N, C-alpha and C. Protein backbone atom coordinates (compact mmCIF):
# COMPACT_ATOMS: atom_id res chain seq x y z
N UNK A 1 0.76 -1.16 0.07
CA UNK A 1 -0.10 -0.08 0.01
C UNK A 1 0.66 1.06 0.04
N UNK A 2 0.56 2.38 -0.79
CA UNK A 2 1.33 3.48 -0.86
C UNK A 2 1.23 4.30 0.05
N UNK A 3 1.83 5.47 0.37
CA UNK A 3 1.75 6.39 1.58
C UNK A 3 0.32 7.08 1.63
N UNK A 4 -0.11 7.26 0.36
CA UNK A 4 -1.55 8.02 0.20
C UNK A 4 -2.61 7.20 0.71
N UNK A 5 -2.32 5.76 0.53
CA UNK A 5 -3.46 4.86 1.00
C UNK A 5 -3.26 4.68 2.33
N UNK A 6 -2.18 4.62 3.00
CA UNK A 6 -2.01 4.48 4.55
C UNK A 6 -2.73 5.70 5.16
N UNK A 7 -2.32 6.70 4.51
CA UNK A 7 -2.76 8.08 5.21
C UNK A 7 -4.43 8.06 5.05
N UNK A 8 -4.95 7.57 3.91
CA UNK A 8 -6.44 7.42 3.91
C UNK A 8 -6.98 6.65 4.95
N UNK A 9 -6.20 5.45 5.20
CA UNK A 9 -6.85 4.47 6.20
C UNK A 9 -6.79 5.06 7.35
N UNK A 10 -5.77 5.76 7.64
CA UNK A 10 -5.67 6.54 9.09
C UNK A 10 -6.79 7.23 9.31
N UNK A 11 -7.03 7.93 8.30
CA UNK A 11 -8.27 9.17 8.46
C UNK A 11 -9.58 8.32 8.42
N UNK A 12 -9.81 7.43 7.73
CA UNK A 12 -11.13 6.49 7.71
C UNK A 12 -11.26 5.68 9.08
N UNK A 13 -10.22 5.41 9.60
CA UNK A 13 -10.33 4.61 11.02
C UNK A 13 -10.98 5.62 11.95
N UNK A 14 -10.06 6.66 12.12
CA UNK A 14 -10.40 7.84 13.05
C UNK A 14 -11.99 8.21 13.11
N UNK A 15 -12.20 8.74 11.62
CA UNK A 15 -13.70 8.94 11.45
C UNK A 15 -14.55 8.08 11.47
N UNK A 16 -14.32 6.87 11.38
CA UNK A 16 -15.08 5.58 12.01
C UNK A 16 -15.46 5.53 13.24
N UNK A 17 -14.31 5.59 14.07
CA UNK A 17 -14.40 5.53 15.59
C UNK A 17 -15.05 6.58 16.01
N UNK A 18 -14.86 7.89 15.40
CA UNK A 18 -15.69 8.82 16.04
C UNK A 18 -17.17 8.91 15.90
N UNK A 19 -17.79 7.87 15.07
CA UNK A 19 -19.20 7.69 14.68
C UNK A 19 -19.89 8.89 14.45
N UNK A 20 -19.52 9.74 13.51
CA UNK A 20 -20.09 11.11 13.24
C UNK A 20 -21.17 10.60 12.22
N UNK A 21 -22.36 11.21 12.40
CA UNK A 21 -23.34 11.12 11.12
C UNK A 21 -23.31 12.31 10.29
N UNK A 22 -23.04 12.24 8.89
CA UNK A 22 -23.15 12.97 7.86
C UNK A 22 -21.63 13.52 7.62
N UNK A 23 -21.61 14.05 6.41
CA UNK A 23 -20.45 14.64 5.98
C UNK A 23 -19.58 15.64 6.78
N UNK A 24 -18.35 15.78 6.58
CA UNK A 24 -17.39 16.44 7.33
C UNK A 24 -16.54 17.35 6.28
N UNK A 25 -16.22 18.60 7.14
CA UNK A 25 -15.33 19.47 6.30
C UNK A 25 -14.02 18.88 6.61
N UNK A 26 -13.08 19.10 5.76
CA UNK A 26 -11.55 18.78 6.02
C UNK A 26 -11.01 19.36 7.36
N UNK A 27 -11.54 20.40 7.71
CA UNK A 27 -11.20 21.15 8.85
C UNK A 27 -11.73 20.48 10.21
N UNK A 28 -12.80 19.88 9.94
CA UNK A 28 -13.59 18.90 10.95
C UNK A 28 -12.78 17.51 11.22
N UNK A 29 -12.35 17.20 9.99
CA UNK A 29 -11.72 15.95 10.15
C UNK A 29 -10.21 16.19 10.66
N UNK A 30 -9.44 17.10 10.32
CA UNK A 30 -8.23 17.28 11.12
C UNK A 30 -8.44 17.53 12.53
N UNK A 31 -9.53 18.20 12.82
CA UNK A 31 -9.85 18.31 14.43
C UNK A 31 -9.95 16.85 15.13
N UNK A 32 -10.61 15.84 14.45
CA UNK A 32 -10.79 14.73 14.82
C UNK A 32 -9.50 14.09 14.94
N UNK A 33 -8.59 13.95 13.99
CA UNK A 33 -7.35 13.41 14.04
C UNK A 33 -6.43 13.87 14.92
N UNK A 34 -6.65 15.36 14.94
CA UNK A 34 -5.45 15.78 16.21
C UNK A 34 -6.07 15.44 17.72
N UNK A 35 -7.22 15.03 17.89
CA UNK A 35 -7.78 14.70 19.21
C UNK A 35 -7.30 13.10 19.53
N UNK A 36 -7.15 12.45 18.17
CA UNK A 36 -6.69 11.28 18.22
C UNK A 36 -4.93 11.23 18.17
N UNK A 37 -4.35 12.31 18.25
CA UNK A 37 -2.86 12.02 18.35
C UNK A 37 -2.25 11.76 16.95
N UNK A 38 -3.07 11.90 15.95
CA UNK A 38 -2.71 11.56 14.50
C UNK A 38 -2.03 12.78 14.00
N UNK A 39 -0.80 13.11 13.35
CA UNK A 39 -0.43 14.17 12.56
C UNK A 39 -0.41 14.15 11.24
N UNK A 40 -1.36 15.29 10.85
CA UNK A 40 -1.33 15.71 9.62
C UNK A 40 -1.03 17.10 9.59
N UNK A 41 -0.49 17.90 8.58
CA UNK A 41 -0.04 19.22 8.54
C UNK A 41 -0.88 20.19 8.51
N UNK A 42 -2.24 19.98 7.81
CA UNK A 42 -3.53 20.89 7.41
C UNK A 42 -4.63 20.20 7.00
N UNK A 43 -5.67 21.20 6.98
CA UNK A 43 -6.96 20.69 6.52
C UNK A 43 -6.59 20.49 4.70
N UNK A 44 -5.93 21.29 4.22
CA UNK A 44 -5.38 21.05 2.78
C UNK A 44 -4.96 19.64 2.44
N UNK A 45 -3.95 19.29 3.41
CA UNK A 45 -3.64 17.81 2.94
C UNK A 45 -4.54 16.89 3.13
N UNK A 46 -5.48 17.18 4.03
CA UNK A 46 -6.63 16.12 4.23
C UNK A 46 -7.54 16.21 3.06
N UNK A 47 -7.71 17.46 2.37
CA UNK A 47 -8.49 17.60 1.33
C UNK A 47 -7.88 16.90 -0.09
N UNK A 48 -6.74 17.06 0.02
CA UNK A 48 -6.01 16.17 -1.04
C UNK A 48 -6.08 15.14 -1.11
N UNK A 49 -5.68 14.43 0.17
CA UNK A 49 -5.86 12.95 0.55
C UNK A 49 -7.23 12.64 -0.01
N UNK A 50 -8.25 13.19 0.39
CA UNK A 50 -9.49 12.61 0.06
C UNK A 50 -9.88 12.85 -1.23
N UNK A 51 -9.63 13.96 -1.74
CA UNK A 51 -9.98 14.15 -3.03
C UNK A 51 -9.16 13.20 -4.20
N UNK A 52 -7.98 12.73 -3.90
CA UNK A 52 -7.50 11.78 -4.69
C UNK A 52 -8.23 10.39 -4.66
N UNK A 53 -8.56 10.02 -3.14
CA UNK A 53 -9.10 8.78 -3.04
C UNK A 53 -10.78 8.70 -3.57
N UNK A 54 -11.26 10.02 -3.61
CA UNK A 54 -12.69 9.87 -4.28
C UNK A 54 -12.54 9.32 -5.83
N UNK A 55 -11.17 9.57 -6.50
CA UNK A 55 -11.18 9.02 -7.63
C UNK A 55 -11.38 7.54 -7.68
N UNK A 56 -11.28 6.56 -6.76
CA UNK A 56 -11.38 5.34 -6.62
C UNK A 56 -12.68 4.91 -6.01
N UNK A 57 -13.57 5.94 -5.67
CA UNK A 57 -14.93 5.82 -5.04
C UNK A 57 -15.06 5.30 -3.72
N UNK A 58 -14.04 5.74 -2.75
CA UNK A 58 -13.78 5.70 -1.52
C UNK A 58 -14.48 6.53 -0.60
N UNK A 59 -14.50 7.87 -1.47
CA UNK A 59 -14.94 9.04 -0.78
C UNK A 59 -15.91 9.77 -1.69
N UNK A 60 -17.11 10.21 -1.06
CA UNK A 60 -17.97 11.35 -1.91
C UNK A 60 -17.36 12.67 -1.57
N UNK A 61 -17.16 13.57 -2.44
CA UNK A 61 -17.05 15.12 -2.13
C UNK A 61 -18.36 15.74 -2.43
N UNK A 62 -18.71 16.60 -1.62
CA UNK A 62 -19.62 17.41 -1.65
C UNK A 62 -19.25 18.58 -2.06
N UNK A 63 -19.49 19.10 -3.42
CA UNK A 63 -18.84 20.47 -3.60
C UNK A 63 -19.68 21.73 -2.97
N UNK A 64 -19.46 22.10 -1.65
CA UNK A 64 -20.33 22.95 -1.12
C UNK A 64 -19.20 24.07 -0.70
N UNK A 65 -19.57 25.05 0.06
CA UNK A 65 -18.66 25.83 0.58
C UNK A 65 -18.62 25.93 2.02
N UNK A 66 -17.91 25.11 2.72
CA UNK A 66 -16.63 24.82 2.27
C UNK A 66 -16.94 23.14 1.84
N UNK A 67 -16.09 22.56 0.89
CA UNK A 67 -16.47 20.92 0.58
C UNK A 67 -16.40 20.33 1.77
N UNK A 68 -17.34 19.31 1.50
CA UNK A 68 -17.53 18.30 2.58
C UNK A 68 -17.09 17.07 2.15
N UNK A 69 -16.79 15.95 2.88
CA UNK A 69 -16.42 14.76 2.58
C UNK A 69 -17.26 13.31 3.19
N UNK A 70 -17.71 12.25 2.63
CA UNK A 70 -18.38 11.37 3.20
C UNK A 70 -17.42 10.02 2.85
N UNK A 71 -16.78 9.24 3.79
CA UNK A 71 -15.90 8.49 3.72
C UNK A 71 -16.73 7.30 3.56
N UNK A 72 -16.61 6.21 2.60
CA UNK A 72 -17.34 5.10 2.24
C UNK A 72 -16.88 3.66 3.30
N UNK A 73 -17.45 2.86 3.56
CA UNK A 73 -17.12 1.77 4.25
C UNK A 73 -16.37 1.07 3.43
N UNK A 74 -15.30 0.17 4.11
CA UNK A 74 -14.39 -0.47 3.48
C UNK A 74 -14.76 -1.90 3.12
N UNK A 75 -14.60 -2.19 1.92
CA UNK A 75 -15.58 -3.44 1.46
C UNK A 75 -14.67 -4.69 1.81
């Protein structure tokens, strides 16, 4: 698994454990990650990872202001 895939799995695990209903912004996801002592540089980094993963169908990007993300369940 490449670095992007590992980072996405870290994000997915934290969001799943938080048991949050509905889509989240990259900033909200970053806050959850920080609360779990996961180190990411910025909300922009989160958005980049999730945007790339959306190409594979694992993430739904809601193009609002700000963008929101729904993470799919692991198959």
